[in-house]
Amino acid sequence: MRGNLDMMSEARAWWDVAAGHIPPMVLEGEGEFLRAALDTLPPEPFTPMTWPDWTNAVKAATGRKGKALFMPLRQALTGEDHGPDLKDLLPLIGRARAEERLRAAIQA
């Protein structure tokens, strides 16, 4: 994640995103996609390979690719449009929080 931080003070904010509560983003029209993402969310333990493996499964289930695949996942998981690489951040978020955030985004 170091390459995505301009200052060390930003690390705290991203730790809060990974380990704390974030308000769910309203992602209009993304409910079916996020349900497919939730259905394909792999079991723990999460590693840096979990992100590419999971997004490949979501891609196969939905036919989405590129920004249409990655952006709603990032927004649902972090509440942000940009940030550290999710292959590094997802293991810190963990499965329980990822599942909770996906469910919250579906219901928002």
PDB file of N, CA and C in Angstrom:
ATOM      1  N   MET A   1       0.821  -1.199   0.000  1.00  0.00           N
ATOM      2  CA  MET A   1       0.000   0.000   0.000  1.00  0.00           C
ATOM      3  C   MET A   1       0.858   1.254   0.000  1.00  0.00           C
ATOM      4  N   ARG A   2       2.108   1.137   0.363  1.00  0.00           N
ATOM      5  CA  ARG A   2       2.969   2.300   0.495  1.00  0.00           C
ATOM      6  C   ARG A   2       2.966   3.160  -0.765  1.00  0.00           C
ATOM      7  N   GLY A   3       2.975   2.546  -1.956  1.00  0.00           N
ATOM      8  CA  GLY A   3       2.997   3.299  -3.195  1.00  0.00           C
ATOM      9  C   GLY A   3       1.748   4.127  -3.429  1.00  0.00           C
ATOM     10  N   ASN A   4       0.690   3.868  -2.700  1.00  0.00           N
ATOM     11  CA  ASN A   4      -0.565   4.596  -2.864  1.00  0.00           C
ATOM     12  C   ASN A   4      -0.762   5.684  -1.822  1.00  0.00           C
ATOM     13  N   LEU A   5       0.206   5.861  -0.949  1.00  0.00           N
ATOM     14  CA  LEU A   5       0.106   6.870   0.099  1.00  0.00           C
ATOM     15  C   LEU A   5       1.120   7.971  -0.163  1.00  0.00           C
ATOM     16  N   ASP A   6       0.667   9.224  -0.099  1.00  0.00           N
ATOM     17  CA  ASP A   6       1.581  10.345  -0.258  1.00  0.00           C
ATOM     18  C   ASP A   6       2.250  10.697   1.059  1.00  0.00           C
ATOM     19  N   MET A   7       1.529  10.520   2.159  1.00  0.00           N
ATOM     20  CA  MET A   7       2.066  10.833   3.482  1.00  0.00           C
ATOM     21  C   MET A   7       1.696   9.705   4.434  1.00  0.00           C
ATOM     22  N   MET A   8       2.529   9.476   5.422  1.00  0.00           N
ATOM     23  CA  MET A   8       2.247   8.427   6.393  1.00  0.00           C
ATOM     24  C   MET A   8       0.932   8.680   7.130  1.00  0.00           C
ATOM     25  N   SER A   9       0.542   9.941   7.269  1.00  0.00           N
ATOM     26  CA  SER A   9      -0.714  10.242   7.958  1.00  0.00           C
ATOM     27  C   SER A   9      -1.914   9.639   7.227  1.00  0.00           C
ATOM     28  N   GLU A  10      -1.778   9.393   5.926  1.00  0.00           N
ATOM     29  CA  GLU A  10      -2.862   8.780   5.169  1.00  0.00           C
ATOM     30  C   GLU A  10      -3.066   7.320   5.564  1.00  0.00           C
ATOM     31  N   ALA A  11      -2.046   6.701   6.117  1.00  0.00           N
ATOM     32  CA  ALA A  11      -2.153   5.294   6.510  1.00  0.00           C
ATOM     33  C   ALA A  11      -3.259   5.106   7.541  1.00  0.00           C
ATOM     34  N   ARG A  12      -3.396   6.036   8.470  1.00  0.00           N
ATOM     35  CA  ARG A  12      -4.435   5.932   9.499  1.00  0.00           C
ATOM     36  C   ARG A  12      -5.830   5.934   8.873  1.00  0.00           C
ATOM     37  N   ALA A  13      -6.034   6.821   7.918  1.00  0.00           N
ATOM     38  CA  ALA A  13      -7.344   6.902   7.268  1.00  0.00           C
ATOM     39  C   ALA A  13      -7.672   5.587   6.561  1.00  0.00           C
ATOM     40  N   TRP A  14      -6.688   4.983   5.911  1.00  0.00           N
ATOM     41  CA  TRP A  14      -6.944   3.719   5.219  1.00  0.00           C
ATOM     42  C   TRP A  14      -7.090   2.566   6.192  1.00  0.00           C
ATOM     43  N   TRP A  15      -6.414   2.648   7.339  1.00  0.00           N
ATOM     44  CA  TRP A  15      -6.635   1.624   8.362  1.00  0.00           C
ATOM     45  C   TRP A  15      -8.081   1.703   8.851  1.00  0.00           C
ATOM     46  N   ASP A  16      -8.581   2.923   9.028  1.00  0.00           N
ATOM     47  CA  ASP A  16      -9.973   3.095   9.449  1.00  0.00           C
ATOM     48  C   ASP A  16     -10.933   2.519   8.405  1.00  0.00           C
ATOM     49  N   VAL A  17     -10.621   2.704   7.128  1.00  0.00           N
ATOM     50  CA  VAL A  17     -11.448   2.128   6.064  1.00  0.00           C
ATOM     51  C   VAL A  17     -11.406   0.604   6.141  1.00  0.00           C
ATOM     52  N   ALA A  18     -10.227   0.050   6.377  1.00  0.00           N
ATOM     53  CA  ALA A  18     -10.081  -1.409   6.415  1.00  0.00           C
ATOM     54  C   ALA A  18     -10.739  -2.016   7.643  1.00  0.00           C
ATOM     55  N   ALA A  19     -10.553  -1.397   8.793  1.00  0.00           N
ATOM     56  CA  ALA A  19     -10.951  -2.044  10.047  1.00  0.00           C
ATOM     57  C   ALA A  19     -12.162  -1.418  10.725  1.00  0.00           C
ATOM     58  N   GLY A  20     -12.568  -0.244  10.280  1.00  0.00           N
ATOM     59  CA  GLY A  20     -13.655   0.450  10.961  1.00  0.00           C
ATOM     60  C   GLY A  20     -14.971   0.357  10.217  1.00  0.00           C
ATOM     61  N   HIS A  21     -15.892   1.205  10.634  1.00  0.00           N
ATOM     62  CA  HIS A  21     -17.209   1.280   9.995  1.00  0.00           C
ATOM     63  C   HIS A  21     -17.164   2.342   8.907  1.00  0.00           C
ATOM     64  N   ILE A  22     -17.724   2.042   7.757  1.00  0.00           N
ATOM     65  CA  ILE A  22     -17.878   3.043   6.703  1.00  0.00           C
ATOM     66  C   ILE A  22     -19.356   3.117   6.343  1.00  0.00           C
ATOM     67  N   PRO A  23     -19.846   4.315   6.059  1.00  0.00           N
ATOM     68  CA  PRO A  23     -21.242   4.407   5.625  1.00  0.00           C
ATOM     69  C   PRO A  23     -21.383   3.782   4.237  1.00  0.00           C
ATOM     70  N   PRO A  24     -22.453   3.048   3.999  1.00  0.00           N
ATOM     71  CA  PRO A  24     -22.614   2.417   2.684  1.00  0.00           C
ATOM     72  C   PRO A  24     -22.832   3.456   1.597  1.00  0.00           C
ATOM     73  N   MET A  25     -22.224   3.219   0.445  1.00  0.00           N
ATOM     74  CA  MET A  25     -22.449   4.074  -0.716  1.00  0.00           C
ATOM     75  C   MET A  25     -23.742   3.641  -1.391  1.00  0.00           C
ATOM     76  N   VAL A  26     -24.469   4.609  -1.901  1.00  0.00           N
ATOM     77  CA  VAL A  26     -25.651   4.309  -2.705  1.00  0.00           C
ATOM     78  C   VAL A  26     -25.153   4.061  -4.127  1.00  0.00           C
ATOM     79  N   LEU A  27     -25.292   2.840  -4.584  1.00  0.00           N
ATOM     80  CA  LEU A  27     -24.824   2.444  -5.912  1.00  0.00           C
ATOM     81  C   LEU A  27     -26.038   2.039  -6.746  1.00  0.00           C
ATOM     82  N   GLU A  28     -26.689   3.037  -7.300  1.00  0.00           N
ATOM     83  CA  GLU A  28     -27.934   2.803  -8.039  1.00  0.00           C
ATOM     84  C   GLU A  28     -27.716   1.848  -9.204  1.00  0.00           C
ATOM     85  N   GLY A  29     -28.620   0.906  -9.331  1.00  0.00           N
ATOM     86  CA  GLY A  29     -28.575  -0.035 -10.436  1.00  0.00           C
ATOM     87  C   GLY A  29     -27.539  -1.136 -10.300  1.00  0.00           C
ATOM     88  N   GLU A  30     -26.887  -1.228  -9.146  1.00  0.00           N
ATOM     89  CA  GLU A  30     -25.818  -2.210  -8.963  1.00  0.00           C
ATOM     90  C   GLU A  30     -26.219  -3.394  -8.089  1.00  0.00           C
ATOM     91  N   GLY A  31     -27.472  -3.462  -7.675  1.00  0.00           N
ATOM     92  CA  GLY A  31     -27.901  -4.511  -6.756  1.00  0.00           C
ATOM     93  C   GLY A  31     -27.636  -5.918  -7.259  1.00  0.00           C
ATOM     94  N   GLU A  32     -28.013  -6.208  -8.488  1.00  0.00           N
ATOM     95  CA  GLU A  32     -27.814  -7.553  -9.043  1.00  0.00           C
ATOM     96  C   GLU A  32     -26.324  -7.884  -9.138  1.00  0.00           C
ATOM     97  N   PHE A  33     -25.535  -6.917  -9.572  1.00  0.00           N
ATOM     98  CA  PHE A  33     -24.084  -7.115  -9.660  1.00  0.00           C
ATOM     99  C   PHE A  33     -23.488  -7.385  -8.282  1.00  0.00           C
ATOM    100  N   LEU A  34     -23.879  -6.589  -7.290  1.00  0.00           N
ATOM    101  CA  LEU A  34     -23.331  -6.768  -5.944  1.00  0.00           C
ATOM    102  C   LEU A  34     -23.785  -8.081  -5.321  1.00  0.00           C
ATOM    103  N   ARG A  35     -24.982  -8.537  -5.646  1.00  0.00           N
ATOM    104  CA  ARG A  35     -25.427  -9.857  -5.169  1.00  0.00           C
ATOM    105  C   ARG A  35     -24.554 -10.962  -5.769  1.00  0.00           C
ATOM    106  N   ALA A  36     -24.209 -10.822  -7.044  1.00  0.00           N
ATOM    107  CA  ALA A  36     -23.311 -11.802  -7.676  1.00  0.00           C
ATOM    108  C   ALA A  36     -21.937 -11.760  -7.015  1.00  0.00           C
ATOM    109  N   ALA A  37     -21.473 -10.557  -6.684  1.00  0.00           N
ATOM    110  CA  ALA A  37     -20.189 -10.427  -5.990  1.00  0.00           C
ATOM    111  C   ALA A  37     -20.257 -11.091  -4.622  1.00  0.00           C
ATOM    112  N   LEU A  38     -21.346 -10.881  -3.922  1.00  0.00           N
ATOM    113  CA  LEU A  38     -21.525 -11.497  -2.607  1.00  0.00           C
ATOM    114  C   LEU A  38     -21.580 -13.022  -2.724  1.00  0.00           C
ATOM    115  N   ASP A  39     -22.279 -13.514  -3.726  1.00  0.00           N
ATOM    116  CA  ASP A  39     -22.402 -14.962  -3.922  1.00  0.00           C
ATOM    117  C   ASP A  39     -21.068 -15.624  -4.254  1.00  0.00           C
ATOM    118  N   THR A  40     -20.153 -14.882  -4.853  1.00  0.00           N
ATOM    119  CA  THR A  40     -18.860 -15.452  -5.246  1.00  0.00           C
ATOM    120  C   THR A  40     -17.737 -15.090  -4.279  1.00  0.00           C
ATOM    121  N   LEU A  41     -18.057 -14.366  -3.208  1.00  0.00           N
ATOM    122  CA  LEU A  41     -17.034 -13.985  -2.230  1.00  0.00           C
ATOM    123  C   LEU A  41     -16.408 -15.253  -1.648  1.00  0.00           C
ATOM    124  N   PRO A  42     -15.096 -15.401  -1.779  1.00  0.00           N
ATOM    125  CA  PRO A  42     -14.465 -16.651  -1.340  1.00  0.00           C
ATOM    126  C   PRO A  42     -14.332 -16.737   0.179  1.00  0.00           C
ATOM    127  N   PRO A  43     -14.085 -17.944   0.675  1.00  0.00           N
ATOM    128  CA  PRO A  43     -13.854 -18.101   2.115  1.00  0.00           C
ATOM    129  C   PRO A  43     -12.482 -17.554   2.501  1.00  0.00           C
ATOM    130  N   GLU A  44     -12.329 -17.304   3.788  1.00  0.00           N
ATOM    131  CA  GLU A  44     -11.011 -16.915   4.283  1.00  0.00           C
ATOM    132  C   GLU A  44     -10.148 -18.160   4.385  1.00  0.00           C
ATOM    133  N   PRO A  45      -8.847 -18.003   4.460  1.00  0.00           N
ATOM    134  CA  PRO A  45      -8.122 -16.755   4.671  1.00  0.00           C
ATOM    135  C   PRO A  45      -7.968 -15.978   3.364  1.00  0.00           C
ATOM    136  N   PHE A  46      -8.020 -14.647   3.478  1.00  0.00           N
ATOM    137  CA  PHE A  46      -7.789 -13.772   2.338  1.00  0.00           C
ATOM    138  C   PHE A  46      -6.292 -13.513   2.217  1.00  0.00           C
ATOM    139  N   THR A  47      -5.801 -13.565   0.988  1.00  0.00           N
ATOM    140  CA  THR A  47      -4.405 -13.275   0.671  1.00  0.00           C
ATOM    141  C   THR A  47      -4.393 -12.254  -0.462  1.00  0.00           C
ATOM    142  N   PRO A  48      -3.232 -11.777  -0.890  1.00  0.00           N
ATOM    143  CA  PRO A  48      -3.211 -10.880  -2.047  1.00  0.00           C
ATOM    144  C   PRO A  48      -3.788 -11.510  -3.323  1.00  0.00           C
ATOM    145  N   MET A  49      -3.851 -12.833  -3.400  1.00  0.00           N
ATOM    146  CA  MET A  49      -4.442 -13.491  -4.573  1.00  0.00           C
ATOM    147  C   MET A  49      -5.969 -13.556  -4.505  1.00  0.00           C
ATOM    148  N   THR A  50      -6.541 -13.276  -3.346  1.00  0.00           N
ATOM    149  CA  THR A  50      -7.999 -13.336  -3.214  1.00  0.00           C
ATOM    150  C   THR A  50      -8.669 -12.346  -4.148  1.00  0.00           C
ATOM    151  N   TRP A  51      -8.153 -11.124  -4.225  1.00  0.00           N
ATOM    152  CA  TRP A  51      -8.766 -10.094  -5.069  1.00  0.00           C
ATOM    153  C   TRP A  51      -8.822 -10.520  -6.536  1.00  0.00           C
ATOM    154  N   PRO A  52      -7.700 -10.885  -7.169  1.00  0.00           N
ATOM    155  CA  PRO A  52      -7.817 -11.278  -8.581  1.00  0.00           C
ATOM    156  C   PRO A  52      -8.651 -12.547  -8.784  1.00  0.00           C
ATOM    157  N   ASP A  53      -8.556 -13.488  -7.870  1.00  0.00           N
ATOM    158  CA  ASP A  53      -9.373 -14.698  -7.995  1.00  0.00           C
ATOM    159  C   ASP A  53     -10.860 -14.361  -7.887  1.00  0.00           C
ATOM    160  N   TRP A  54     -11.203 -13.506  -6.924  1.00  0.00           N
ATOM    161  CA  TRP A  54     -12.598 -13.125  -6.724  1.00  0.00           C
ATOM    162  C   TRP A  54     -13.127 -12.320  -7.906  1.00  0.00           C
ATOM    163  N   THR A  55     -12.353 -11.334  -8.355  1.00  0.00           N
ATOM    164  CA  THR A  55     -12.841 -10.510  -9.464  1.00  0.00           C
ATOM    165  C   THR A  55     -12.982 -11.331 -10.742  1.00  0.00           C
ATOM    166  N   ASN A  56     -12.150 -12.343 -10.924  1.00  0.00           N
ATOM    167  CA  ASN A  56     -12.330 -13.238 -12.076  1.00  0.00           C
ATOM    168  C   ASN A  56     -13.634 -14.019 -11.954  1.00  0.00           C
ATOM    169  N   ALA A  57     -13.970 -14.444 -10.742  1.00  0.00           N
ATOM    170  CA  ALA A  57     -15.238 -15.152 -10.524  1.00  0.00           C
ATOM    171  C   ALA A  57     -16.429 -14.221 -10.754  1.00  0.00           C
ATOM    172  N   VAL A  58     -16.326 -12.975 -10.284  1.00  0.00           N
ATOM    173  CA  VAL A  58     -17.400 -11.997 -10.495  1.00  0.00           C
ATOM    174  C   VAL A  58     -17.531 -11.697 -11.985  1.00  0.00           C
ATOM    175  N   LYS A  59     -16.408 -11.555 -12.660  1.00  0.00           N
ATOM    176  CA  LYS A  59     -16.410 -11.312 -14.106  1.00  0.00           C
ATOM    177  C   LYS A  59     -17.115 -12.448 -14.846  1.00  0.00           C
ATOM    178  N   ALA A  60     -16.798 -13.691 -14.476  1.00  0.00           N
ATOM    179  CA  ALA A  60     -17.429 -14.847 -15.117  1.00  0.00           C
ATOM    180  C   ALA A  60     -18.936 -14.880 -14.843  1.00  0.00           C
ATOM    181  N   ALA A  61     -19.334 -14.476 -13.646  1.00  0.00           N
ATOM    182  CA  ALA A  61     -20.751 -14.514 -13.270  1.00  0.00           C
ATOM    183  C   ALA A  61     -21.561 -13.388 -13.898  1.00  0.00           C
ATOM    184  N   THR A  62     -20.911 -12.247 -14.153  1.00  0.00           N
ATOM    185  CA  THR A  62     -21.657 -11.067 -14.599  1.00  0.00           C
ATOM    186  C   THR A  62     -21.330 -10.605 -16.016  1.00  0.00           C
ATOM    187  N   GLY A  63     -20.193 -11.019 -16.546  1.00  0.00           N
ATOM    188  CA  GLY A  63     -19.762 -10.542 -17.853  1.00  0.00           C
ATOM    189  C   GLY A  63     -19.137  -9.162 -17.823  1.00  0.00           C
ATOM    190  N   ARG A  64     -19.031  -8.572 -16.656  1.00  0.00           N
ATOM    191  CA  ARG A  64     -18.437  -7.238 -16.557  1.00  0.00           C
ATOM    192  C   ARG A  64     -16.919  -7.327 -16.574  1.00  0.00           C
ATOM    193  N   LYS A  65     -16.315  -6.213 -17.028  1.00  0.00           N
ATOM    194  CA  LYS A  65     -14.863  -6.118 -16.988  1.00  0.00           C
ATOM    195  C   LYS A  65     -14.467  -4.661 -16.849  1.00  0.00           C
ATOM    196  N   GLY A  66     -13.202  -4.430 -16.580  1.00  0.00           N
ATOM    197  CA  GLY A  66     -12.689  -3.074 -16.465  1.00  0.00           C
ATOM    198  C   GLY A  66     -13.349  -2.299 -15.340  1.00  0.00           C
ATOM    199  N   LYS A  67     -13.543  -1.007 -15.594  1.00  0.00           N
ATOM    200  CA  LYS A  67     -14.096  -0.110 -14.583  1.00  0.00           C
ATOM    201  C   LYS A  67     -15.480  -0.554 -14.107  1.00  0.00           C
ATOM    202  N   ALA A  68     -16.284  -1.104 -15.002  1.00  0.00           N
ATOM    203  CA  ALA A  68     -17.633  -1.560 -14.633  1.00  0.00           C
ATOM    204  C   ALA A  68     -17.582  -2.714 -13.639  1.00  0.00           C
ATOM    205  N   LEU A  69     -16.488  -3.448 -13.635  1.00  0.00           N
ATOM    206  CA  LEU A  69     -16.290  -4.542 -12.686  1.00  0.00           C
ATOM    207  C   LEU A  69     -15.688  -4.027 -11.384  1.00  0.00           C
ATOM    208  N   PHE A  70     -14.625  -3.243 -11.501  1.00  0.00           N
ATOM    209  CA  PHE A  70     -13.845  -2.876 -10.321  1.00  0.00           C
ATOM    210  C   PHE A  70     -14.422  -1.724  -9.499  1.00  0.00           C
ATOM    211  N   MET A  71     -14.980  -0.706 -10.155  1.00  0.00           N
ATOM    212  CA  MET A  71     -15.415   0.486  -9.428  1.00  0.00           C
ATOM    213  C   MET A  71     -16.528   0.207  -8.415  1.00  0.00           C
ATOM    214  N   PRO A  72     -17.606  -0.499  -8.778  1.00  0.00           N
ATOM    215  CA  PRO A  72     -18.636  -0.742  -7.762  1.00  0.00           C
ATOM    216  C   PRO A  72     -18.130  -1.596  -6.601  1.00  0.00           C
ATOM    217  N   LEU A  73     -17.209  -2.510  -6.873  1.00  0.00           N
ATOM    218  CA  LEU A  73     -16.637  -3.303  -5.780  1.00  0.00           C
ATOM    219  C   LEU A  73     -15.832  -2.413  -4.847  1.00  0.00           C
ATOM    220  N   ARG A  74     -14.988  -1.557  -5.429  1.00  0.00           N
ATOM    221  CA  ARG A  74     -14.195  -0.630  -4.608  1.00  0.00           C
ATOM    222  C   ARG A  74     -15.107   0.268  -3.785  1.00  0.00           C
ATOM    223  N   GLN A  75     -16.126   0.824  -4.421  1.00  0.00           N
ATOM    224  CA  GLN A  75     -17.027   1.731  -3.719  1.00  0.00           C
ATOM    225  C   GLN A  75     -17.767   1.018  -2.592  1.00  0.00           C
ATOM    226  N   ALA A  76     -18.237  -0.186  -2.842  1.00  0.00           N
ATOM    227  CA  ALA A  76     -18.962  -0.930  -1.808  1.00  0.00           C
ATOM    228  C   ALA A  76     -18.040  -1.326  -0.662  1.00  0.00           C
ATOM    229  N   LEU A  77     -16.811  -1.703  -0.975  1.00  0.00           N
ATOM    230  CA  LEU A  77     -15.891  -2.198   0.052  1.00  0.00           C
ATOM    231  C   LEU A  77     -15.198  -1.100   0.837  1.00  0.00           C
ATOM    232  N   THR A  78     -14.956   0.061   0.192  1.00  0.00           N
ATOM    233  CA  THR A  78     -14.178   1.116   0.858  1.00  0.00           C
ATOM    234  C   THR A  78     -14.930   2.424   1.026  1.00  0.00           C
ATOM    235  N   GLY A  79     -16.024   2.615   0.292  1.00  0.00           N
ATOM    236  CA  GLY A  79     -16.716   3.896   0.329  1.00  0.00           C
ATOM    237  C   GLY A  79     -15.970   4.979  -0.429  1.00  0.00           C
ATOM    238  N   GLU A  80     -14.990   4.587  -1.220  1.00  0.00           N
ATOM    239  CA  GLU A  80     -14.144   5.534  -1.952  1.00  0.00           C
ATOM    240  C   GLU A  80     -14.058   5.132  -3.424  1.00  0.00           C
ATOM    241  N   ASP A  81     -13.730   6.130  -4.265  1.00  0.00           N
ATOM    242  CA  ASP A  81     -13.529   5.874  -5.690  1.00  0.00           C
ATOM    243  C   ASP A  81     -12.089   5.489  -6.011  1.00  0.00           C
ATOM    244  N   HIS A  82     -11.165   5.860  -5.144  1.00  0.00           N
ATOM    245  CA  HIS A  82      -9.735   5.630  -5.381  1.00  0.00           C
ATOM    246  C   HIS A  82      -9.091   5.194  -4.081  1.00  0.00           C
ATOM    247  N   GLY A  83      -7.916   4.617  -4.194  1.00  0.00           N
ATOM    248  CA  GLY A  83      -7.182   4.249  -2.994  1.00  0.00           C
ATOM    249  C   GLY A  83      -6.196   3.136  -3.244  1.00  0.00           C
ATOM    250  N   PRO A  84      -5.700   2.563  -2.166  1.00  0.00           N
ATOM    251  CA  PRO A  84      -4.727   1.480  -2.290  1.00  0.00           C
ATOM    252  C   PRO A  84      -5.289   0.303  -3.079  1.00  0.00           C
ATOM    253  N   ASP A  85      -4.394  -0.448  -3.656  1.00  0.00           N
ATOM    254  CA  ASP A  85      -4.761  -1.632  -4.426  1.00  0.00           C
ATOM    255  C   ASP A  85      -5.565  -2.581  -3.547  1.00  0.00           C
ATOM    256  N   LEU A  86      -6.696  -3.013  -4.048  1.00  0.00           N
ATOM    257  CA  LEU A  86      -7.567  -3.878  -3.250  1.00  0.00           C
ATOM    258  C   LEU A  86      -6.986  -5.266  -3.013  1.00  0.00           C
ATOM    259  N   LYS A  87      -6.009  -5.674  -3.794  1.00  0.00           N
ATOM    260  CA  LYS A  87      -5.359  -6.954  -3.488  1.00  0.00           C
ATOM    261  C   LYS A  87      -4.633  -6.870  -2.152  1.00  0.00           C
ATOM    262  N   ASP A  88      -4.196  -5.670  -1.779  1.00  0.00           N
ATOM    263  CA  ASP A  88      -3.544  -5.454  -0.485  1.00  0.00           C
ATOM    264  C   ASP A  88      -4.546  -5.110   0.611  1.00  0.00           C
ATOM    265  N   LEU A  89      -5.597  -4.399   0.259  1.00  0.00           N
ATOM    266  CA  LEU A  89      -6.556  -3.916   1.246  1.00  0.00           C
ATOM    267  C   LEU A  89      -7.591  -4.976   1.642  1.00  0.00           C
ATOM    268  N   LEU A  90      -8.008  -5.810   0.699  1.00  0.00           N
ATOM    269  CA  LEU A  90      -9.047  -6.803   0.994  1.00  0.00           C
ATOM    270  C   LEU A  90      -8.663  -7.753   2.131  1.00  0.00           C
ATOM    271  N   PRO A  91      -7.417  -8.241   2.213  1.00  0.00           N
ATOM    272  CA  PRO A  91      -7.075  -9.085   3.366  1.00  0.00           C
ATOM    273  C   PRO A  91      -7.203  -8.356   4.703  1.00  0.00           C
ATOM    274  N   LEU A  92      -7.008  -7.045   4.711  1.00  0.00           N
ATOM    275  CA  LEU A  92      -7.178  -6.264   5.940  1.00  0.00           C
ATOM    276  C   LEU A  92      -8.656  -6.066   6.263  1.00  0.00           C
ATOM    277  N   ILE A  93      -9.468  -5.925   5.242  1.00  0.00           N
ATOM    278  CA  ILE A  93     -10.911  -5.776   5.441  1.00  0.00           C
ATOM    279  C   ILE A  93     -11.492  -7.083   5.977  1.00  0.00           C
ATOM    280  N   GLY A  94     -11.089  -8.189   5.403  1.00  0.00           N
ATOM    281  CA  GLY A  94     -11.564  -9.498   5.850  1.00  0.00           C
ATOM    282  C   GLY A  94     -12.931  -9.845   5.287  1.00  0.00           C
ATOM    283  N   ARG A  95     -13.254 -11.112   5.374  1.00  0.00           N
ATOM    284  CA  ARG A  95     -14.497 -11.594   4.769  1.00  0.00           C
ATOM    285  C   ARG A  95     -15.739 -11.055   5.468  1.00  0.00           C
ATOM    286  N   ALA A  96     -15.749 -11.058   6.777  1.00  0.00           N
ATOM    287  CA  ALA A  96     -16.954 -10.625   7.502  1.00  0.00           C
ATOM    288  C   ALA A  96     -17.303  -9.178   7.170  1.00  0.00           C
ATOM    289  N   ARG A  97     -16.303  -8.283   7.191  1.00  0.00           N
ATOM    290  CA  ARG A  97     -16.569  -6.880   6.865  1.00  0.00           C
ATOM    291  C   ARG A  97     -16.921  -6.723   5.391  1.00  0.00           C
ATOM    292  N   ALA A  98     -16.255  -7.467   4.507  1.00  0.00           N
ATOM    293  CA  ALA A  98     -16.572  -7.389   3.077  1.00  0.00           C
ATOM    294  C   ALA A  98     -18.022  -7.802   2.835  1.00  0.00           C
ATOM    295  N   GLU A  99     -18.429  -8.894   3.460  1.00  0.00           N
ATOM    296  CA  GLU A  99     -19.813  -9.360   3.318  1.00  0.00           C
ATOM    297  C   GLU A  99     -20.794  -8.318   3.860  1.00  0.00           C
ATOM    298  N   GLU A 100     -20.494  -7.777   5.017  1.00  0.00           N
ATOM    299  CA  GLU A 100     -21.355  -6.753   5.624  1.00  0.00           C
ATOM    300  C   GLU A 100     -21.474  -5.533   4.717  1.00  0.00           C
ATOM    301  N   ARG A 101     -20.369  -5.104   4.139  1.00  0.00           N
ATOM    302  CA  ARG A 101     -20.372  -3.912   3.286  1.00  0.00           C
ATOM    303  C   ARG A 101     -21.099  -4.163   1.972  1.00  0.00           C
ATOM    304  N   LEU A 102     -20.934  -5.335   1.407  1.00  0.00           N
ATOM    305  CA  LEU A 102     -21.673  -5.661   0.184  1.00  0.00           C
ATOM    306  C   LEU A 102     -23.172  -5.694   0.459  1.00  0.00           C
ATOM    307  N   ARG A 103     -23.573  -6.313   1.561  1.00  0.00           N
ATOM    308  CA  ARG A 103     -25.002  -6.361   1.918  1.00  0.00           C
ATOM    309  C   ARG A 103     -25.557  -4.951   2.142  1.00  0.00           C
ATOM    310  N   ALA A 104     -24.781  -4.105   2.815  1.00  0.00           N
ATOM    311  CA  ALA A 104     -25.225  -2.731   3.075  1.00  0.00           C
ATOM    312  C   ALA A 104     -25.378  -1.956   1.770  1.00  0.00           C
ATOM    313  N   ALA A 105     -24.452  -2.145   0.833  1.00  0.00           N
ATOM    314  CA  ALA A 105     -24.537  -1.446  -0.452  1.00  0.00           C
ATOM    315  C   ALA A 105     -25.732  -1.941  -1.264  1.00  0.00           C
ATOM    316  N   ILE A 106     -26.046  -3.216  -1.162  1.00  0.00           N
ATOM    317  CA  ILE A 106     -27.215  -3.760  -1.864  1.00  0.00           C
ATOM    318  C   ILE A 106     -28.492  -3.122  -1.320  1.00  0.00           C
ATOM    319  N   GLN A 107     -28.546  -2.913  -0.018  1.00  0.00           N
ATOM    320  CA  GLN A 107     -29.748  -2.381   0.629  1.00  0.00           C
ATOM    321  C   GLN A 107     -29.827  -0.858   0.608  1.00  0.00           C
ATOM    322  N   ALA A 108     -28.720  -0.184   0.284  1.00  0.00           N
ATOM    323  CA  ALA A 108     -28.696   1.298   0.326  1.00  0.00           C
ATOM    324  C   ALA A 108     -29.546   1.901  -0.773  1.00  0.00           C
TER     325      ALA A 108
END
